[in-house]
Amino acid sequence: MKDISRFCKLIFFVAGMFVAVSCAEKVKIYQAPEGIELSNAFVVKVEGSAVPVYKTKIPPAEPIPRLNHSRSVFGFASIASFDMNEQVSVTIDYPELVEEVKILPTSYGIQPKVEGNKIIFTLDNPGHITVEVNGDWHESLHILANPFEKDVPKPDDAGVIYFGPGVHELTKLVVEDNTTVYIAGGAYIKCGMNPDQEKMEVRGKQQNPPSFFLNGNNITLRGRGIIDQSAIPRSKRRYTIFSRNSHNLHIEGVTIFDPSRWTIPIQSCDSVHVDNIKIIGWRGNSDGVDISNSREVLVENCFMRTLDDAVVVKSFDGLGEVKNIHARKCVIWNELAHSLSIGAEIHENVSDVLFEDCDVIHDVGRETALRVYHCDDAIISNVTFENIRIEEARRLISCWIGKTRWTESEERGNIRNILFKDIVATSAPIDTTLTGFQDGTDWKPYIIRNHASMNLVGFDEDHCIKGVSFDNVILDGKKMSAENITVNEFVTNIEFK
């Protein structure tokens, strides 16, 4: 355990501070530390007790492209978080008369009651919801309801790095074998930079070190606290939680604000569990979970509002194959790129990937919600997208082989055996000219049609797509058939069930 800031070392003096408000053991509320500016857009109560409402930056509301937007133009999302172990009542006070309210995901079936400027509803189970009031989809309220924690470590337990309630400043934390990093509810970690900090090599390139470097086996990072990277300047961007060459890795429960680069890149690891992580990002490349060259990875119960890819699978040259990847029960809001995807960088074979039982509440970017995006030279096989509910999408499904700005290899690859099953989607209500990747090769204007597009594009006879099945794919209330999908001559064995 190296390079812990002096603020981290002082946490033991505040570790015993009582910050959890317990409401008859049904709910736990963690009070905000002093000095953290909170949102005044919403007042949230659960079981009659006030919940702190944080705020963090989000992209501007203007149409895409927003990747190169001015750093002086942004919005704020409001975030309220608590733990629950049985049904709870939630009350939201809004500054104006509530004329319309939408609670997403729709699949949760939450029916709110409105009384003047109050919104009242119940939550039966832990989960992550977004509340949009009077048509304001942009600066919405995210309610992050966690399950109760089990086996909470103590500050003086062996092998535990403990961040107690309060504000902590951190430059870099290297976590080694057999260690638990615990970030308690009410802890707020402000990540910064040390100007004298050495860079580290990642895939042959020198990069700023991550805020948390999980560099060993049998490592856990967990808790109910917040990690905030907003103080890291654009020129010094860095990963938030990075793991490389690790085995038996658990990342659970924390909330991450304003990641300055990929939030949780997992590289060349085996046996990884990412559970109930909440990510809200607005910068370019603020991906959610990037899984590369790893095996036996499970990502579940997460909430991600990302500018760039949310859950994405990649493979870099010489770092090992990707196999047995599973993402499920996640709620995703994608602002620019892909919600659930493979690619672009694919240099080693990728096989046996399952995306299932997820809700995409918004996908309004220039790319595609569900995509196999192959720009290099390996084989992608046995990929399933199943039981996915998409409430707003401009571009729905794509399997694509070609050259792009991300291409690094001379040769192209192949795609085999892709299944889209039980997909229900609604097109974004727009018909306008945008700038983006129309065919994956370059920036150019294109027209978004009045329904979300789907396409299958191979590269040539030797680098092609074989075996794509559509089983109960429904867009705008209609089951999709061959006439709804654009296909070129290098795609074969397409099946509709």
Protein backbone atom coordinates (compact mmCIF):
# COMPACT_ATOMS: atom_id res chain seq x y z
CA MET A 1 0.00 0.00 0.00
CA LYS A 2 1.88 3.02 -1.26
CA ASP A 3 1.49 6.74 -1.76
CA ILE A 4 -1.53 7.34 0.46
CA SER A 5 -2.10 11.05 0.99
CA ARG A 6 -1.68 12.46 4.49
CA PHE A 7 -5.42 13.10 4.56
CA CYS A 8 -6.07 9.41 4.04
CA LYS A 9 -3.80 8.60 6.97
CA LEU A 10 -5.88 10.82 9.26
CA ILE A 11 -9.15 9.03 8.65
CA PHE A 12 -8.85 6.87 11.72
CA PHE A 13 -9.58 9.88 13.93
CA VAL A 14 -13.02 10.31 12.36
CA ALA A 15 -13.81 6.70 11.58
CA GLY A 16 -16.07 6.37 14.60
CA MET A 17 -18.23 9.38 13.70
CA PHE A 18 -21.92 8.45 13.65
CA VAL A 19 -23.41 9.47 10.31
CA ALA A 20 -26.06 6.87 9.52
CA VAL A 21 -29.64 7.78 10.35
CA SER A 22 -31.59 4.56 10.90
CA CYS A 23 -35.37 4.59 10.41
CA ALA A 24 -36.56 1.54 12.34
CA GLU A 25 -33.88 -0.49 10.54
CA LYS A 26 -35.74 -0.11 7.24
CA VAL A 27 -33.41 2.50 5.82
CA LYS A 28 -29.96 4.01 6.44
CA ILE A 29 -29.18 7.58 5.48
CA TYR A 30 -25.61 8.88 5.44
CA GLN A 31 -25.21 12.58 6.20
CA ALA A 32 -23.16 14.74 3.84
CA PRO A 33 -19.76 15.93 5.12
CA GLU A 34 -19.31 19.59 5.93
CA GLY A 35 -18.02 21.69 3.08
CA ILE A 36 -19.68 19.74 0.25
CA GLU A 37 -22.05 21.88 -1.81
CA LEU A 38 -25.43 20.20 -2.18
CA SER A 39 -28.21 20.54 -4.74
CA ASN A 40 -31.15 22.84 -4.08
CA ALA A 41 -33.16 21.53 -7.05
CA PHE A 42 -34.93 18.80 -5.05
CA VAL A 43 -35.68 17.97 -1.42
CA VAL A 44 -35.81 14.21 -0.82
CA LYS A 45 -37.15 12.35 2.21
CA VAL A 46 -37.34 8.61 2.77
CA GLU A 47 -39.59 7.32 5.54
CA GLY A 48 -39.93 10.98 6.60
CA SER A 49 -36.19 11.59 7.08
CA ALA A 50 -34.19 13.99 4.90
CA VAL A 51 -31.66 12.54 2.48
CA PRO A 52 -28.68 14.67 1.33
CA VAL A 53 -28.98 15.58 -2.34
CA TYR A 54 -25.58 15.95 -3.99
CA LYS A 55 -24.93 17.50 -7.38
CA THR A 56 -22.41 16.78 -10.10
CA LYS A 57 -21.77 17.98 -13.63
CA ILE A 58 -23.46 16.52 -16.71
CA PRO A 59 -23.13 17.41 -20.40
CA PRO A 60 -25.08 20.37 -21.76
CA ALA A 61 -28.60 19.76 -23.00
CA GLU A 62 -27.89 20.79 -26.58
CA PRO A 63 -28.04 18.13 -29.33
CA ILE A 64 -24.98 16.06 -30.15
CA PRO A 65 -22.15 16.22 -30.89
CA ARG A 66 -21.23 17.24 -27.36
CA LEU A 67 -17.81 15.60 -27.13
CA ASN A 68 -15.93 18.80 -27.90
CA HIS A 69 -18.23 21.16 -26.05
CA SER A 70 -16.88 24.10 -24.11
CA ARG A 71 -15.82 23.20 -20.60
CA SER A 72 -17.80 26.24 -19.46
CA VAL A 73 -21.10 24.76 -20.67
CA PHE A 74 -22.66 22.03 -18.56
CA GLY A 75 -25.61 21.13 -16.39
CA PHE A 76 -26.04 19.54 -12.96
CA ALA A 77 -27.70 16.29 -12.00
CA SER A 78 -29.02 15.80 -8.46
CA ILE A 79 -28.20 12.58 -6.60
CA ALA A 80 -29.80 11.17 -3.45
CA SER A 81 -28.59 7.86 -2.02
CA PHE A 82 -29.57 5.63 0.89
CA ASP A 83 -29.74 1.95 1.93
CA MET A 84 -32.97 0.00 2.35
CA ASN A 85 -33.96 -3.53 3.32
CA GLU A 86 -37.73 -3.43 2.87
CA GLN A 87 -40.38 -1.27 1.22
CA VAL A 88 -39.92 2.46 1.87
CA SER A 89 -41.87 5.62 1.10
CA VAL A 90 -40.16 8.45 -0.78
CA THR A 91 -41.26 12.10 -0.93
CA ILE A 92 -39.75 14.68 -3.28
CA ASP A 93 -40.35 18.41 -2.93
CA TYR A 94 -39.91 20.35 -6.16
CA PRO A 95 -39.55 24.17 -6.24
CA GLU A 96 -42.47 24.55 -8.67
CA LEU A 97 -45.90 23.08 -9.20
CA VAL A 98 -45.52 19.54 -10.53
CA GLU A 99 -47.52 19.15 -13.72
CA GLU A 100 -45.81 16.06 -15.09
CA VAL A 101 -43.49 13.43 -13.62
CA LYS A 102 -41.74 10.48 -15.19
CA ILE A 103 -39.92 7.81 -13.16
CA LEU A 104 -37.46 5.64 -15.08
CA PRO A 105 -36.89 2.78 -15.73
CA THR A 106 -40.52 2.31 -16.73
CA SER A 107 -40.11 -1.43 -16.17
CA TYR A 108 -39.98 -0.81 -12.40
CA GLY A 109 -43.67 0.07 -12.55
CA ILE A 110 -43.46 2.94 -10.05
CA GLN A 111 -46.68 4.99 -9.99
CA PRO A 112 -46.12 8.34 -8.26
CA LYS A 113 -48.77 10.48 -6.62
CA VAL A 114 -48.55 14.23 -7.12
CA GLU A 115 -49.76 16.76 -4.55
CA GLY A 116 -48.94 20.31 -5.61
CA ASN A 117 -45.15 20.44 -5.62
CA LYS A 118 -44.75 17.03 -3.95
CA ILE A 119 -44.08 13.67 -5.59
CA ILE A 120 -44.82 10.61 -3.45
CA PHE A 121 -44.16 6.95 -4.23
CA THR A 122 -42.91 3.72 -2.70
CA LEU A 123 -39.84 1.65 -3.48
CA ASP A 124 -40.33 -2.05 -2.96
CA ASN A 125 -36.71 -3.07 -3.55
CA PRO A 126 -33.26 -1.52 -3.87
CA GLY A 127 -32.61 -0.09 -7.31
CA HIS A 128 -31.62 3.05 -9.16
CA ILE A 129 -34.26 5.37 -10.56
CA THR A 130 -34.35 8.68 -12.38
CA VAL A 131 -37.10 11.24 -11.74
CA GLU A 132 -37.88 13.74 -14.50
CA VAL A 133 -40.22 16.59 -13.61
CA ASN A 134 -42.21 18.82 -15.97
CA GLY A 135 -40.41 17.45 -19.01
CA ASP A 136 -36.91 18.29 -17.77
CA TRP A 137 -35.01 15.16 -18.80
CA HIS A 138 -31.65 16.93 -18.50
CA GLU A 139 -31.17 18.13 -14.92
CA SER A 140 -33.03 15.22 -13.41
CA LEU A 141 -32.91 13.57 -9.99
CA HIS A 142 -31.16 10.22 -9.59
CA ILE A 143 -32.22 8.19 -6.54
CA LEU A 144 -29.70 5.46 -5.76
CA ALA A 145 -31.26 2.95 -3.37
CA ASN A 146 -28.75 0.37 -2.15
CA PRO A 147 -29.25 -2.84 -0.22
CA PHE A 148 -28.00 -2.94 3.37
CA GLU A 149 -24.32 -3.78 3.65
CA LYS A 150 -23.09 -7.05 5.11
CA ASP A 151 -19.85 -7.81 6.96
CA VAL A 152 -18.77 -4.18 7.20
CA PRO A 153 -15.06 -4.00 8.07
CA LYS A 154 -13.72 -2.03 11.01
CA PRO A 155 -10.98 0.61 10.79
CA ASP A 156 -8.46 -1.51 12.70
CA ASP A 157 -9.13 -4.80 10.89
CA ALA A 158 -6.04 -6.36 9.34
CA GLY A 159 -5.65 -5.72 5.64
CA VAL A 160 -8.19 -2.86 5.61
CA ILE A 161 -7.68 0.69 4.34
CA TYR A 162 -10.58 2.59 5.89
CA PHE A 163 -12.00 5.92 4.71
CA GLY A 164 -14.42 7.04 7.38
CA PRO A 165 -17.12 9.74 7.19
CA GLY A 166 -15.82 13.16 6.16
CA VAL A 167 -13.81 14.68 3.32
CA HIS A 168 -10.53 13.08 2.23
CA GLU A 169 -8.04 14.26 -0.36
CA LEU A 170 -6.25 11.60 -2.36
CA THR A 171 -3.59 11.71 -5.06
CA LYS A 172 -2.93 8.00 -5.63
CA LEU A 173 -3.57 4.81 -3.73
CA VAL A 174 -1.86 1.57 -4.78
CA VAL A 175 -3.66 -1.46 -3.35
CA GLU A 176 -1.81 -4.76 -3.14
CA ASP A 177 -2.66 -8.41 -2.38
CA ASN A 178 -5.28 -9.42 0.19
CA THR A 179 -6.51 -5.88 0.90
CA THR A 180 -9.93 -4.30 1.38
CA VAL A 181 -10.43 -0.61 0.68
CA TYR A 182 -13.57 0.48 2.54
CA ILE A 183 -15.17 3.86 1.74
CA ALA A 184 -17.87 4.35 4.34
CA GLY A 185 -21.20 6.06 3.79
CA GLY A 186 -20.65 9.77 4.44
CA ALA A 187 -17.06 9.60 3.14
CA TYR A 188 -16.28 11.96 0.25
CA ILE A 189 -12.94 11.41 -1.51
CA LYS A 190 -11.64 14.34 -3.56
CA CYS A 191 -9.13 13.01 -6.06
CA GLY A 192 -6.32 15.31 -7.10
CA MET A 193 -2.92 15.35 -8.75
CA ASN A 194 0.60 15.51 -7.37
CA PRO A 195 2.66 17.53 -9.88
CA ASP A 196 5.72 15.41 -9.07
CA GLN A 197 3.90 12.10 -9.52
CA GLU A 198 5.53 9.68 -11.93
CA LYS A 199 3.57 8.37 -14.88
CA MET A 200 2.90 4.67 -15.40
CA GLU A 201 3.02 2.56 -18.53
CA VAL A 202 -0.29 1.25 -19.85
CA ARG A 203 -0.19 -0.65 -23.15
CA GLY A 204 3.17 0.83 -24.03
CA LYS A 205 2.14 4.42 -23.34
CA GLN A 206 2.96 6.69 -20.42
CA GLN A 207 -0.15 7.79 -18.56
CA ASN A 208 -1.04 9.61 -15.38
CA PRO A 209 -1.53 7.04 -12.62
CA PRO A 210 -5.09 6.14 -11.61
CA SER A 211 -6.63 7.44 -8.42
CA PHE A 212 -6.99 3.83 -7.20
CA PHE A 213 -4.62 1.22 -8.65
CA LEU A 214 -5.72 -2.29 -7.72
CA ASN A 215 -2.42 -4.04 -8.25
CA GLY A 216 -2.70 -7.55 -6.87
CA ASN A 217 -4.90 -10.53 -6.06
CA ASN A 218 -7.82 -10.90 -3.65
CA ILE A 219 -8.64 -7.19 -3.54
CA THR A 220 -11.94 -5.59 -2.55
CA LEU A 221 -12.96 -1.94 -2.93
CA ARG A 222 -16.39 -1.30 -1.42
CA GLY A 223 -18.64 0.96 0.63
CA ARG A 224 -21.32 3.62 0.28
CA GLY A 225 -19.07 6.67 -0.03
CA ILE A 226 -18.38 8.98 -2.98
CA ILE A 227 -15.27 9.28 -5.16
CA ASP A 228 -15.06 12.65 -6.94
CA GLN A 229 -12.53 13.35 -9.73
CA SER A 230 -13.79 16.82 -10.60
CA ALA A 231 -10.61 18.53 -9.36
CA ILE A 232 -8.46 16.70 -11.93
CA PRO A 233 -7.85 19.04 -14.88
CA ARG A 234 -8.65 18.00 -18.41
CA SER A 235 -4.96 17.87 -19.34
CA LYS A 236 -4.20 15.52 -16.42
CA ARG A 237 -7.03 13.04 -16.93
CA ARG A 238 -6.62 9.62 -15.34
CA TYR A 239 -8.53 6.44 -14.64
CA THR A 240 -10.57 6.33 -11.45
CA ILE A 241 -10.25 2.65 -10.41
CA PHE A 242 -7.80 0.68 -12.55
CA SER A 243 -6.94 -2.99 -12.18
CA ARG A 244 -4.35 -4.93 -14.15
CA ASN A 245 -3.23 -8.57 -13.93
CA SER A 246 -5.43 -9.21 -10.89
CA HIS A 247 -7.31 -12.31 -9.76
CA ASN A 248 -10.35 -12.37 -7.49
CA LEU A 249 -11.36 -8.72 -7.58
CA HIS A 250 -14.51 -7.18 -6.03
CA ILE A 251 -15.67 -3.57 -6.59
CA GLU A 252 -18.97 -2.76 -4.90
CA GLY A 253 -21.28 -0.01 -3.75
CA VAL A 254 -19.43 3.29 -4.22
CA THR A 255 -20.62 6.28 -6.25
CA ILE A 256 -18.27 8.04 -8.67
CA PHE A 257 -18.68 11.66 -9.78
CA ASP A 258 -17.05 13.30 -12.80
CA PRO A 259 -14.57 10.61 -13.89
CA SER A 260 -11.82 12.27 -15.88
CA ARG A 261 -11.21 9.24 -18.12
CA TRP A 262 -12.39 5.61 -18.19
CA THR A 263 -13.96 5.07 -14.79
CA ILE A 264 -13.29 1.38 -14.09
CA PRO A 265 -10.92 -0.20 -16.64
CA ILE A 266 -10.31 -3.89 -15.96
CA GLN A 267 -7.32 -5.19 -17.89
CA SER A 268 -5.96 -8.75 -18.09
CA CYS A 269 -7.82 -9.87 -14.98
CA ASP A 270 -9.60 -13.08 -13.96
CA SER A 271 -12.59 -13.57 -11.67
CA VAL A 272 -13.94 -10.03 -11.29
CA HIS A 273 -17.23 -8.86 -9.75
CA VAL A 274 -18.42 -5.26 -10.19
CA ASP A 275 -21.65 -4.77 -8.23
CA ASN A 276 -23.90 -1.77 -7.52
CA ILE A 277 -21.46 0.86 -8.76
CA LYS A 278 -22.95 4.25 -9.62
CA ILE A 279 -21.19 6.45 -12.21
CA ILE A 280 -22.11 9.91 -13.45
CA GLY A 281 -19.71 11.34 -16.01
CA TRP A 282 -19.70 14.18 -18.51
CA ARG A 283 -16.18 14.42 -19.97
CA GLY A 284 -14.95 12.84 -23.19
CA ASN A 285 -13.86 9.21 -22.66
CA SER A 286 -15.75 9.02 -19.36
CA ASP A 287 -16.62 5.37 -20.02
CA GLY A 288 -18.26 3.31 -17.30
CA VAL A 289 -16.72 -0.18 -17.06
CA ASP A 290 -14.14 -1.12 -19.72
CA ILE A 291 -13.35 -4.84 -19.73
CA SER A 292 -10.24 -5.74 -21.74
CA ASN A 293 -8.35 -9.02 -22.12
CA SER A 294 -10.12 -10.45 -19.06
CA ARG A 295 -12.07 -13.58 -18.18
CA GLU A 296 -14.92 -14.47 -15.82
CA VAL A 297 -16.18 -10.93 -15.26
CA LEU A 298 -19.62 -10.10 -13.87
CA VAL A 299 -21.01 -6.53 -13.87
CA GLU A 300 -24.43 -6.16 -12.22
CA ASN A 301 -26.87 -3.84 -10.45
CA CYS A 302 -25.04 -0.71 -11.59
CA PHE A 303 -26.23 2.76 -12.64
CA MET A 304 -24.25 4.58 -15.32
CA ARG A 305 -24.91 7.99 -16.82
CA THR A 306 -21.89 8.33 -19.09
CA LEU A 307 -20.89 10.60 -21.94
CA ASP A 308 -18.97 7.77 -23.58
CA ASP A 309 -19.45 3.96 -23.57
CA ALA A 310 -21.20 2.51 -20.52
CA VAL A 311 -20.29 -1.22 -20.41
CA VAL A 312 -17.81 -2.07 -23.14
CA VAL A 313 -15.55 -5.04 -23.99
CA LYS A 314 -12.17 -4.56 -25.67
CA SER A 315 -9.00 -6.57 -26.32
CA PHE A 316 -5.55 -5.11 -26.85
CA ASP A 317 -2.69 -6.81 -28.67
CA GLY A 318 -0.67 -9.35 -26.70
CA LEU A 319 -2.62 -9.07 -23.44
CA GLY A 320 -4.76 -12.22 -23.68
CA GLU A 321 -8.21 -13.28 -24.89
CA VAL A 322 -11.58 -12.15 -23.54
CA LYS A 323 -14.00 -14.85 -22.42
CA ASN A 324 -17.08 -15.32 -20.21
CA ILE A 325 -18.18 -11.73 -19.70
CA HIS A 326 -21.62 -11.07 -18.18
CA ALA A 327 -23.39 -7.74 -17.62
CA ARG A 328 -26.89 -7.77 -16.11
CA LYS A 329 -29.49 -5.77 -14.19
CA CYS A 330 -27.88 -2.43 -14.96
CA VAL A 331 -29.62 0.91 -15.60
CA ILE A 332 -27.88 2.94 -18.30
CA TRP A 333 -28.12 6.48 -19.63
CA ASN A 334 -25.74 7.03 -22.52
CA GLU A 335 -25.12 10.56 -23.74
CA LEU A 336 -22.81 10.07 -26.74
CA ALA A 337 -21.56 6.58 -27.62
CA HIS A 338 -22.70 3.01 -26.83
CA SER A 339 -24.74 1.59 -23.96
CA LEU A 340 -23.70 -2.08 -24.22
CA SER A 341 -21.00 -2.90 -26.74
CA ILE A 342 -17.92 -4.73 -27.92
CA GLY A 343 -15.13 -2.72 -29.53
CA ALA A 344 -13.71 -0.65 -31.05
CA GLU A 345 -10.23 -2.07 -30.23
CA ILE A 346 -10.30 -5.86 -30.78
CA HIS A 347 -6.85 -7.45 -31.26
CA GLU A 348 -7.36 -10.69 -29.31
CA ASN A 349 -10.31 -13.07 -29.65
CA VAL A 350 -13.51 -12.24 -27.75
CA SER A 351 -16.04 -15.00 -26.99
CA ASP A 352 -19.00 -15.84 -24.76
CA VAL A 353 -20.30 -12.40 -23.85
CA LEU A 354 -23.79 -11.93 -22.40
CA PHE A 355 -25.59 -8.62 -21.90
CA GLU A 356 -28.97 -9.26 -20.25
CA ASP A 357 -31.84 -7.84 -18.23
CA CYS A 358 -30.76 -4.20 -18.51
CA ASP A 359 -32.71 -0.95 -18.85
CA VAL A 360 -31.41 1.76 -21.15
CA ILE A 361 -33.41 4.83 -20.11
CA HIS A 362 -31.78 7.21 -22.61
CA ASP A 363 -29.40 6.61 -25.53
CA VAL A 364 -29.25 9.78 -27.57
CA GLY A 365 -25.70 9.85 -28.92
CA ARG A 366 -24.11 9.55 -32.31
CA GLU A 367 -23.40 5.81 -31.99
CA THR A 368 -25.53 2.67 -31.41
CA ALA A 369 -27.12 1.39 -28.21
CA LEU A 370 -26.30 -2.32 -28.75
CA ARG A 371 -23.25 -2.84 -30.89
CA VAL A 372 -20.50 -5.22 -32.00
CA TYR A 373 -18.00 -2.73 -33.40
CA HIS A 374 -14.97 -4.45 -34.93
CA CYS A 375 -12.13 -2.28 -36.20
CA ASP A 376 -9.16 -4.66 -35.92
CA ASP A 377 -8.16 -8.25 -36.65
CA ALA A 378 -9.45 -10.81 -34.10
CA ILE A 379 -12.56 -13.00 -33.99
CA ILE A 380 -15.64 -11.98 -32.02
CA SER A 381 -17.98 -14.92 -31.35
CA ASN A 382 -20.95 -16.07 -29.28
CA VAL A 383 -22.34 -12.72 -28.12
CA THR A 384 -25.88 -12.39 -26.76
CA PHE A 385 -27.99 -9.30 -26.09
CA GLU A 386 -31.10 -10.55 -24.25
CA ASN A 387 -34.06 -9.13 -22.34
CA ILE A 388 -33.07 -5.48 -22.77
CA ARG A 389 -35.50 -2.59 -22.53
CA ILE A 390 -34.52 0.61 -24.35
CA GLU A 391 -36.71 3.63 -23.69
CA GLU A 392 -35.07 6.03 -26.12
CA ALA A 393 -32.60 5.33 -28.91
CA ARG A 394 -31.51 6.96 -32.14
CA ARG A 395 -29.60 3.93 -33.40
CA LEU A 396 -30.55 0.57 -31.96
CA ILE A 397 -28.47 -2.37 -33.26
CA SER A 398 -25.26 -2.70 -35.25
CA CYS A 399 -22.71 -5.37 -36.12
CA TRP A 400 -19.94 -3.76 -38.11
CA ILE A 401 -16.47 -4.62 -39.46
CA GLY A 402 -14.29 -1.92 -40.98
CA LYS A 403 -11.57 0.69 -40.57
CA THR A 404 -12.04 3.71 -38.34
CA ARG A 405 -9.97 6.31 -36.58
CA TRP A 406 -9.51 3.68 -33.81
CA THR A 407 -8.02 1.00 -36.14
CA GLU A 408 -4.48 -0.13 -35.30
CA SER A 409 -4.06 -3.38 -37.30
CA GLU A 410 -3.62 -3.86 -41.06
CA GLU A 411 -5.87 -6.93 -41.21
CA ARG A 412 -9.60 -7.00 -40.50
CA GLY A 413 -11.34 -9.53 -38.28
CA ASN A 414 -14.53 -11.60 -38.26
CA ILE A 415 -17.81 -11.73 -36.32
CA ARG A 416 -19.60 -15.03 -35.62
CA ASN A 417 -22.86 -16.03 -33.89
CA ILE A 418 -24.57 -12.95 -32.49
CA LEU A 419 -28.03 -13.16 -30.87
CA PHE A 420 -30.46 -10.31 -30.20
CA LYS A 421 -33.35 -11.71 -28.15
CA ASP A 422 -36.31 -10.10 -26.39
CA ILE A 423 -35.26 -6.54 -27.13
CA VAL A 424 -37.97 -3.90 -26.73
CA ALA A 425 -37.07 -0.38 -27.85
CA THR A 426 -38.58 3.03 -28.57
CA SER A 427 -37.08 5.44 -31.08
CA ALA A 428 -35.92 8.86 -29.96
CA PRO A 429 -38.49 11.45 -31.06
CA ILE A 430 -36.26 13.38 -33.47
CA ASP A 431 -35.66 13.81 -37.18
CA THR A 432 -32.73 16.11 -37.68
CA THR A 433 -29.28 16.47 -39.20
CA LEU A 434 -26.42 15.60 -36.86
CA THR A 435 -22.67 15.21 -37.10
CA GLY A 436 -21.15 11.85 -36.31
CA PHE A 437 -19.99 8.47 -37.53
CA GLN A 438 -22.49 7.66 -40.25
CA ASP A 439 -20.57 4.62 -41.52
CA GLY A 440 -17.81 4.33 -38.94
CA THR A 441 -15.10 5.91 -41.05
CA ASP A 442 -15.15 9.64 -40.54
CA TRP A 443 -17.09 12.64 -39.30
CA LYS A 444 -19.90 13.65 -41.61
CA PRO A 445 -23.44 14.97 -41.42
CA TYR A 446 -26.21 12.41 -41.47
CA ILE A 447 -29.97 12.31 -41.06
CA ILE A 448 -31.49 10.56 -38.08
CA ARG A 449 -34.72 8.98 -39.31
CA ASN A 450 -37.99 8.83 -37.42
CA HIS A 451 -37.12 5.37 -36.10
CA ALA A 452 -33.94 3.90 -34.64
CA SER A 453 -31.71 2.32 -37.29
CA MET A 454 -30.26 -1.19 -37.43
CA ASN A 455 -27.43 -2.40 -39.67
CA LEU A 456 -25.16 -5.37 -40.34
CA VAL A 457 -21.99 -4.56 -42.29
CA GLY A 458 -19.13 -6.94 -43.13
CA PHE A 459 -15.81 -5.84 -44.65
CA ASP A 460 -15.14 -8.33 -47.48
CA GLU A 461 -15.53 -12.05 -48.25
CA ASP A 462 -12.70 -13.03 -45.91
CA HIS A 463 -13.66 -10.63 -43.12
CA CYS A 464 -17.37 -11.05 -42.71
CA ILE A 465 -20.29 -11.59 -40.37
CA LYS A 466 -21.81 -15.07 -40.14
CA GLY A 467 -24.75 -16.03 -37.99
CA VAL A 468 -26.93 -13.21 -36.62
CA SER A 469 -30.26 -14.12 -35.01
CA PHE A 470 -33.14 -11.78 -34.16
CA ASP A 471 -35.61 -13.35 -31.75
CA ASN A 472 -38.49 -11.09 -30.71
CA VAL A 473 -36.85 -7.72 -31.38
CA ILE A 474 -39.56 -5.05 -31.12
CA LEU A 475 -39.07 -1.42 -32.14
CA ASP A 476 -41.86 1.10 -31.65
CA GLY A 477 -44.36 -1.71 -31.07
CA LYS A 478 -43.49 -3.66 -34.23
CA LYS A 479 -41.53 -6.88 -34.45
CA MET A 480 -38.47 -6.46 -36.63
CA SER A 481 -37.97 -8.42 -39.86
CA ALA A 482 -35.43 -8.46 -42.69
CA GLU A 483 -36.91 -5.37 -44.34
CA ASN A 484 -36.15 -3.27 -41.26
CA ILE A 485 -32.40 -3.90 -41.25
CA THR A 486 -29.68 -2.62 -43.58
CA VAL A 487 -27.38 -5.50 -44.64
CA ASN A 488 -24.46 -5.62 -47.07
CA GLU A 489 -23.20 -8.58 -49.13
CA PHE A 490 -20.64 -9.69 -46.53
CA VAL A 491 -23.23 -10.86 -44.00
CA THR A 492 -24.67 -14.39 -44.11
CA ASN A 493 -26.88 -16.72 -42.06
CA ILE A 494 -29.32 -14.11 -40.76
CA GLU A 495 -32.27 -15.59 -38.89
CA PHE A 496 -35.54 -14.09 -37.64
CA LYS A 497 -37.55 -15.96 -35.03
